[in-house]
Amino acid sequence: MKILKVCIIYDTKRGSTKQIAEWMKEGLMDARILVDLKKVDRVDNFAYDLFVIGSPIYWEKPLKSVVNFLSENKDKFKGKKVAVFVVCLAKLFGHFTDKHVKNHYLKPLKKKF
């Protein structure tokens, strides 16, 4: 039985993104899944099957620390499976914000790798 190794990487200002990352880790806990949770400044190993990378949104942008982390390590993500998430209030305004979230919050993260 192969064990799937997942690394959830995040940064946070007030703790919401950390809390969501912890909930993701709890949800993934399984005998066949090993999950590590790390802040962007603590990542020193890229030997994972899947990376989940998250950032809160402040002033209409992902945190600079997360964007910089992705830019500085983009070669290490080649050939890896990567998912990104953001924490923001946009959904409070309904489905009309879907396009805005994709274009202004997720796209800057995704284009770094």
Protein backbone atom coordinates (compact mmCIF):
# COMPACT_ATOMS: atom_id res chain seq x y z
CA MET A 1 0.00 0.00 0.00
CA LYS A 2 1.57 3.28 -1.16
CA ILE A 3 1.38 6.19 1.24
CA LEU A 4 0.48 9.55 -0.30
CA LYS A 5 2.67 12.34 1.07
CA VAL A 6 0.96 15.75 1.19
CA CYS A 7 2.42 19.08 2.27
CA ILE A 8 0.04 21.91 3.11
CA ILE A 9 1.93 25.20 2.89
CA TYR A 10 0.46 28.50 4.03
CA ASP A 11 1.10 31.90 5.49
CA THR A 12 -1.26 33.91 7.63
CA LYS A 13 -1.60 37.29 9.30
CA ARG A 14 -4.42 36.78 11.77
CA GLY A 15 -4.69 32.99 11.85
CA SER A 16 -7.63 32.20 9.54
CA THR A 17 -5.51 30.60 6.82
CA LYS A 18 -3.65 28.53 9.41
CA GLN A 19 -6.99 27.33 10.84
CA ILE A 20 -8.25 26.30 7.40
CA ALA A 21 -4.95 24.53 6.66
CA GLU A 22 -5.31 22.63 9.95
CA TRP A 23 -8.87 21.61 9.01
CA MET A 24 -7.57 20.39 5.65
CA LYS A 25 -4.93 18.31 7.43
CA GLU A 26 -7.56 16.81 9.75
CA GLY A 27 -9.77 16.01 6.75
CA LEU A 28 -6.95 14.26 4.93
CA MET A 29 -5.76 12.18 7.88
CA ASP A 30 -5.92 8.57 6.84
CA ALA A 31 -3.75 5.47 7.19
CA ARG A 32 -2.69 5.91 3.56
CA ILE A 33 -2.00 9.66 3.72
CA LEU A 34 0.85 11.43 5.51
CA VAL A 35 0.19 15.17 5.89
CA ASP A 36 2.69 17.83 6.91
CA LEU A 37 1.61 21.39 7.66
CA LYS A 38 4.21 24.14 7.15
CA LYS A 39 4.44 27.91 6.97
CA VAL A 40 6.14 29.18 3.81
CA ASP A 41 9.29 30.11 5.73
CA ARG A 42 9.62 26.58 7.18
CA VAL A 43 9.55 24.49 4.00
CA ASP A 44 12.83 22.66 3.50
CA ASN A 45 11.69 19.45 1.81
CA PHE A 46 10.01 19.05 -1.56
CA ALA A 47 9.72 15.24 -1.53
CA TYR A 48 5.90 15.15 -1.52
CA ASP A 49 3.31 13.78 -3.91
CA LEU A 50 0.98 16.75 -3.51
CA PHE A 51 1.39 20.35 -2.37
CA VAL A 52 -1.57 22.44 -1.21
CA ILE A 53 -0.56 26.10 -0.96
CA GLY A 54 -2.70 28.81 0.61
CA SER A 55 -2.73 32.51 1.23
CA PRO A 56 -5.08 35.04 2.75
CA ILE A 57 -6.04 38.01 0.62
CA TYR A 58 -5.13 41.48 1.86
CA TRP A 59 -5.55 44.66 -0.16
CA GLU A 60 -6.81 42.57 -3.09
CA LYS A 61 -3.65 40.45 -3.30
CA PRO A 62 -2.23 37.20 -1.94
CA LEU A 63 0.42 37.68 0.74
CA LYS A 64 3.77 38.66 -0.72
CA SER A 65 5.47 35.91 1.31
CA VAL A 66 3.44 33.24 -0.50
CA VAL A 67 3.99 34.80 -3.94
CA ASN A 68 7.74 35.08 -3.25
CA PHE A 69 7.88 31.48 -1.99
CA LEU A 70 6.30 30.25 -5.21
CA SER A 71 8.62 32.36 -7.38
CA GLU A 72 11.75 31.29 -5.52
CA ASN A 73 10.86 27.59 -5.61
CA LYS A 74 9.05 27.21 -8.94
CA ASP A 75 11.66 24.79 -10.30
CA LYS A 76 11.10 22.50 -7.31
CA PHE A 77 7.41 22.19 -8.22
CA LYS A 78 8.05 20.98 -11.79
CA GLY A 79 6.36 17.64 -12.31
CA LYS A 80 4.58 17.87 -8.94
CA LYS A 81 0.87 18.09 -8.25
CA VAL A 82 0.00 21.48 -6.77
CA ALA A 83 -3.29 22.95 -5.58
CA VAL A 84 -3.77 26.52 -4.38
CA PHE A 85 -6.38 28.12 -2.16
CA VAL A 86 -7.11 31.59 -0.86
CA VAL A 87 -8.98 32.87 2.16
CA CYS A 88 -11.05 35.97 1.51
CA LEU A 89 -14.45 37.56 1.99
CA ALA A 90 -15.37 37.70 -1.71
CA LYS A 91 -17.97 34.93 -1.50
CA LEU A 92 -20.02 37.06 0.88
CA PHE A 93 -20.99 39.09 -2.17
CA GLY A 94 -22.39 36.10 -4.04
CA HIS A 95 -21.49 34.19 -7.19
CA PHE A 96 -20.78 37.44 -9.04
CA THR A 97 -17.32 37.47 -7.47
CA ASP A 98 -16.24 34.07 -8.87
CA LYS A 99 -14.48 35.59 -11.87
CA HIS A 100 -12.82 38.23 -9.71
CA VAL A 101 -11.48 35.59 -7.30
CA LYS A 102 -10.09 33.49 -10.15
CA ASN A 103 -8.49 36.41 -12.00
CA HIS A 104 -7.18 38.50 -9.12
CA TYR A 105 -6.50 36.07 -6.30
CA LEU A 106 -5.81 32.59 -7.70
CA LYS A 107 -4.23 33.51 -11.04
CA PRO A 108 -1.26 35.40 -9.47
CA LEU A 109 -0.46 32.29 -7.43
CA LYS A 110 -0.93 29.79 -10.25
CA LYS A 111 1.19 31.69 -12.76
CA LYS A 112 4.20 31.50 -10.42
CA PHE A 113 4.61 27.86 -11.31
